[in-house]
C-alpha cells in the first residue's frame, strides 16, 4: 500500500461529469492528518505509519473553587479529556493531540516522517480506493431483516408467527445448534469495507474527496481510505 488517509463522512450528493451524466457521490472530509509515529521492525517488529485525525478541544481545569479537581502546575493547561499515556505519546512526537489514531502498513515507509501533514491531495481523480468504516447500528433485528431469510408459509400449522427463523437443527444428531448459525441478534455497528470505489473529485483547498457510490457509516462517522487491493 502506498497511500492512505483518515476522514469523516459528510454525506451524499450528486455531481455532473463533462457529458452531463449525473454521478451519486459521497463527500468525505479527508484530513488533514498528522504522522504521530513511525513503527519499525527494530523497535516494534513491523513497519507501519501511525496517523492522527481530528483535533481535541482543550478543557482547561484551573483547579480553583470548592469541589473542583486540583491539578499541578505541570499539567494545568493540558487537555483533561485525554489519558496521560496518550497525552505523553503526542508530546513525544511534538504534535497536537488527536481524537482518532490509525496505523497503516505502507511500502514506502522512508517517505514518511513524524509531524508530516497528510492532506486530501494524496489521492487524485480516477484513483481506485477501499473505504472502511463502522456501519450504522440498527439494534436487535430478526432473521428476515438481518439475514434476508424467507418468511414461513402463512397457513395453518406454521404459526404463531411467519417471520421467525424456523428450525435450529435436528434433535438427536447433533443435539445442539451449530456454531455460526444465522439467527436473530444485533444488526450493524460493525467494521465494513467497501472495495474498488472510484475517486470522482478532489477539493484540495477544503480537504474534500468525492467518492462514487455509498460508503459505510452515518454522516459524521470516521472512515479510512486506502489504495484498492483489487485495482
Protein backbone atom coordinates (compact mmCIF):
# COMPACT_ATOMS: atom_id res chain seq x y z
CA UNK A 1 0.00 0.00 0.00
CA UNK A 2 1.29 3.43 -0.95
CA UNK A 3 -1.46 5.87 0.07
CA UNK A 4 -3.92 6.12 2.97
CA UNK A 5 -5.78 8.78 4.91
CA UNK A 6 -8.35 9.14 7.71
CA UNK A 7 -11.51 11.13 7.10
CA UNK A 8 -15.02 11.99 8.24
CA UNK A 9 -18.11 11.17 6.21
CA UNK A 10 -20.00 14.36 5.37
CA UNK A 11 -22.92 12.97 3.36
CA UNK A 12 -24.13 12.09 -0.12
CA UNK A 13 -24.86 14.37 -3.07
CA UNK A 14 -24.57 14.26 -6.85
CA UNK A 15 -22.31 15.88 -9.39
CA UNK A 16 -22.30 16.02 -13.18
CA UNK A 17 -19.44 14.97 -15.43
CA UNK A 18 -18.38 16.63 -18.69
CA UNK A 19 -21.08 14.73 -20.62
CA UNK A 20 -23.82 15.80 -18.23
CA UNK A 21 -24.18 12.37 -16.63
CA UNK A 22 -25.25 12.52 -13.01
CA UNK A 23 -22.94 10.68 -10.58
CA UNK A 24 -24.02 9.88 -7.00
CA UNK A 25 -21.11 10.61 -4.68
CA UNK A 26 -20.25 10.52 -1.00
CA UNK A 27 -18.28 13.52 0.26
CA UNK A 28 -15.53 12.81 2.80
CA UNK A 29 -13.52 15.36 4.76
CA UNK A 30 -10.16 13.67 4.26
CA UNK A 31 -7.55 15.01 6.67
CA UNK A 32 -5.52 16.89 7.38
CA UNK A 33 -3.85 14.03 9.19
CA UNK A 34 -0.56 14.18 11.06
CA UNK A 35 2.03 11.41 11.29
CA UNK A 36 2.27 10.67 15.01
CA UNK A 37 4.64 7.69 14.96
CA UNK A 38 6.77 5.58 12.64
CA UNK A 39 6.76 1.87 13.50
CA UNK A 40 9.94 -0.01 12.60
CA UNK A 41 10.98 -3.64 12.64
CA UNK A 42 13.78 -2.90 15.12
CA UNK A 43 11.50 -1.25 17.71
CA UNK A 44 8.06 -2.72 17.05
CA UNK A 45 8.56 -5.87 14.99
CA UNK A 46 6.77 -4.47 11.92
CA UNK A 47 6.71 -1.40 9.71
CA UNK A 48 3.76 0.99 9.77
CA UNK A 49 2.78 4.64 9.85
CA UNK A 50 0.53 5.93 12.63
CA UNK A 51 -1.68 8.88 11.68
CA UNK A 52 -3.88 11.11 13.81
CA UNK A 53 -7.05 12.90 12.73
CA UNK A 54 -9.46 15.30 14.42
CA UNK A 55 -8.46 17.97 16.92
CA UNK A 56 -9.37 17.53 20.59
CA UNK A 57 -10.95 20.54 22.25
CA UNK A 58 -8.92 21.70 25.23
CA UNK A 59 -10.78 21.68 28.53
CA UNK A 60 -8.61 23.79 30.81
CA UNK A 61 -9.04 22.97 34.51
CA UNK A 62 -7.85 25.86 36.68
CA UNK A 63 -8.13 23.90 39.93
CA UNK A 64 -9.79 26.73 41.86
CA UNK A 65 -13.07 26.77 43.74
CA UNK A 66 -14.72 24.34 46.09
CA UNK A 67 -15.21 20.83 44.77
CA UNK A 68 -13.03 21.29 41.68
CA UNK A 69 -10.26 18.84 40.95
CA UNK A 70 -6.83 20.18 41.81
CA UNK A 71 -4.15 19.89 39.13
CA UNK A 72 -0.43 20.52 39.37
CA UNK A 73 1.18 23.42 37.55
CA UNK A 74 2.91 20.96 35.21
CA UNK A 75 -0.42 19.71 33.79
CA UNK A 76 -2.52 22.84 34.46
CA UNK A 77 -3.17 23.68 30.78
CA UNK A 78 -3.24 20.14 29.39
CA UNK A 79 -6.50 18.75 27.96
CA UNK A 80 -8.38 16.82 30.62
CA UNK A 81 -10.37 14.68 28.15
CA UNK A 82 -7.37 12.55 27.16
CA UNK A 83 -5.43 9.97 29.14
CA UNK A 84 -1.95 10.81 30.37
CA UNK A 85 -0.27 7.93 28.46
CA UNK A 86 -1.86 9.12 25.21
CA UNK A 87 -1.01 12.73 26.02
CA UNK A 88 2.62 11.72 26.56
CA UNK A 89 2.56 9.88 23.24
CA UNK A 90 1.60 13.06 21.40
CA UNK A 91 4.06 15.18 23.36
CA UNK A 92 6.89 12.81 22.44
CA UNK A 93 6.02 13.28 18.76
CA UNK A 94 5.58 17.04 19.32
CA UNK A 95 2.15 17.04 17.66
CA UNK A 96 -1.22 18.29 18.87
CA UNK A 97 -3.48 15.64 20.46
CA UNK A 98 -5.84 13.96 18.00
CA UNK A 99 -9.13 12.19 18.61
CA UNK A 100 -8.51 9.32 16.17
CA UNK A 101 -5.38 7.23 15.63
CA UNK A 102 -4.95 4.64 12.90
CA UNK A 103 -1.99 2.60 11.63
CA UNK A 104 -1.21 1.82 8.01
CA UNK A 105 1.33 -0.66 6.66
CA UNK A 106 2.93 1.08 3.70
CA UNK A 107 5.57 0.05 1.20
CA UNK A 108 7.30 3.45 1.11
CA UNK A 109 8.00 3.97 4.81
CA UNK A 110 11.03 6.12 4.06
CA UNK A 111 8.75 8.81 2.57
CA UNK A 112 7.08 9.50 5.95
CA UNK A 113 8.41 11.45 8.92
CA UNK A 114 6.88 12.25 12.30
CA UNK A 115 4.99 15.53 12.04
CA UNK A 116 4.25 15.27 8.32
CA UNK A 117 0.79 16.50 7.29
CA UNK A 118 -1.23 14.24 5.01
CA UNK A 119 -3.96 16.04 3.04
CA UNK A 120 -6.66 15.14 0.54
CA UNK A 121 -4.31 15.71 -2.40
CA UNK A 122 -2.75 12.34 -1.53
CA UNK A 123 -5.43 10.94 -3.84
CA UNK A 124 -6.31 12.09 -7.33
CA UNK A 125 -9.33 11.89 -9.59
CA UNK A 126 -9.76 8.41 -11.01
CA UNK A 127 -7.93 6.57 -8.21
CA UNK A 128 -9.36 3.22 -7.11
CA UNK A 129 -9.78 3.02 -3.34
CA UNK A 130 -11.12 0.89 -0.49
CA UNK A 131 -13.15 2.64 2.23
CA UNK A 132 -13.50 1.19 5.73
CA UNK A 133 -15.95 2.43 8.33
CA UNK A 134 -18.33 1.37 11.08
CA UNK A 135 -21.80 0.57 9.76
CA UNK A 136 -24.94 2.10 11.21
CA UNK A 137 -26.23 0.29 14.28
CA UNK A 138 -29.80 -0.94 13.84
CA UNK A 139 -30.30 -2.67 17.18
CA UNK A 140 -31.87 -6.09 17.64
CA UNK A 141 -33.25 -7.48 14.38
CA UNK A 142 -34.94 -10.68 13.28
CA UNK A 143 -33.61 -13.16 10.74
CA UNK A 144 -35.56 -11.67 7.83
CA UNK A 145 -34.08 -8.20 8.25
CA UNK A 146 -30.66 -9.40 9.41
CA UNK A 147 -30.03 -12.34 7.05
CA UNK A 148 -32.69 -11.94 4.33
CA UNK A 149 -34.49 -15.14 5.37
CA UNK A 150 -37.71 -16.06 3.56
CA UNK A 151 -40.81 -15.98 5.72
CA UNK A 152 -42.73 -19.14 6.54
CA UNK A 153 -46.00 -20.04 4.87
CA UNK A 154 -48.86 -18.04 6.30
CA UNK A 155 -51.16 -21.02 6.73
CA UNK A 156 -52.33 -23.47 9.38
CA UNK A 157 -49.55 -25.20 11.30
CA UNK A 158 -46.80 -22.63 10.79
CA UNK A 159 -47.92 -20.15 13.44
CA UNK A 160 -47.97 -18.27 15.65
CA UNK A 161 -45.76 -16.04 13.50
CA UNK A 162 -44.43 -16.33 9.97
CA UNK A 163 -41.25 -14.29 10.44
CA UNK A 164 -39.31 -16.47 12.87
CA UNK A 165 -36.20 -18.43 11.92
CA UNK A 166 -37.73 -21.89 11.72
CA UNK A 167 -35.88 -25.00 12.82
CA UNK A 168 -32.49 -24.55 14.53
CA UNK A 169 -31.35 -28.10 13.65
CA UNK A 170 -32.03 -31.80 14.27
CA UNK A 171 -32.92 -33.07 17.75
CA UNK A 172 -30.93 -36.32 18.22
CA UNK A 173 -27.98 -35.55 15.97
CA UNK A 174 -26.10 -33.35 16.68
CA UNK A 175 -28.36 -32.40 19.64
CA UNK A 176 -27.11 -28.84 19.57
CA UNK A 177 -27.15 -25.70 17.45
CA UNK A 178 -24.15 -25.43 15.15
CA UNK A 179 -21.75 -22.58 15.85
CA UNK A 180 -22.27 -19.72 13.40
CA UNK A 181 -25.96 -20.47 12.86
CA UNK A 182 -27.69 -17.42 11.40
CA UNK A 183 -30.18 -16.21 13.99
CA UNK A 184 -31.78 -13.01 15.24
CA UNK A 185 -29.46 -10.59 17.01
CA UNK A 186 -27.65 -7.27 16.88
CA UNK A 187 -27.56 -5.79 13.38
CA UNK A 188 -24.95 -3.30 12.19
CA UNK A 189 -22.39 -1.35 14.23
CA UNK A 190 -19.54 -3.44 12.80
CA UNK A 191 -16.46 -2.83 10.69
CA UNK A 192 -17.32 -2.82 6.98
CA UNK A 193 -15.08 -2.31 3.95
CA UNK A 194 -16.37 -1.36 0.50
CA UNK A 195 -13.79 -2.16 -2.16
CA UNK A 196 -12.82 -0.79 -5.55
CA UNK A 197 -14.58 2.57 -5.37
CA UNK A 198 -13.58 5.48 -7.60
CA UNK A 199 -12.45 8.98 -6.62
CA UNK A 200 -14.55 11.36 -8.70
CA UNK A 201 -13.25 14.71 -7.47
CA UNK A 202 -10.70 16.11 -5.00
CA UNK A 203 -11.02 19.57 -3.42
CA UNK A 204 -7.54 20.30 -2.09
CA UNK A 205 -8.48 23.68 -0.64
CA UNK A 206 -11.21 22.26 1.62
CA UNK A 207 -9.72 18.76 2.04
CA UNK A 208 -12.75 17.07 0.49
CA UNK A 209 -12.89 13.89 -1.56
CA UNK A 210 -15.96 12.91 -3.61
CA UNK A 211 -16.26 9.12 -3.91
CA UNK A 212 -18.60 7.45 -6.37
CA UNK A 213 -21.33 5.47 -4.60
CA UNK A 214 -22.06 4.83 -0.93
CA UNK A 215 -19.64 4.13 1.91
CA UNK A 216 -20.26 2.61 5.37
CA UNK A 217 -21.39 4.53 8.42
CA UNK A 218 -23.53 7.53 9.35
CA UNK A 219 -22.82 11.14 8.48
CA UNK A 220 -20.02 12.31 10.77
CA UNK A 221 -18.58 8.80 11.11
CA UNK A 222 -14.85 8.15 10.87
CA UNK A 223 -13.70 6.32 7.73
CA UNK A 224 -10.35 5.13 6.42
CA UNK A 225 -9.43 5.47 2.74
CA UNK A 226 -6.73 3.23 1.25
CA UNK A 227 -5.42 2.15 -2.12
CA UNK A 228 -7.64 -0.55 -3.56
CA UNK A 229 -6.22 -4.06 -3.18
CA UNK A 230 -8.08 -5.22 -6.29
CA UNK A 231 -7.30 -2.35 -8.65
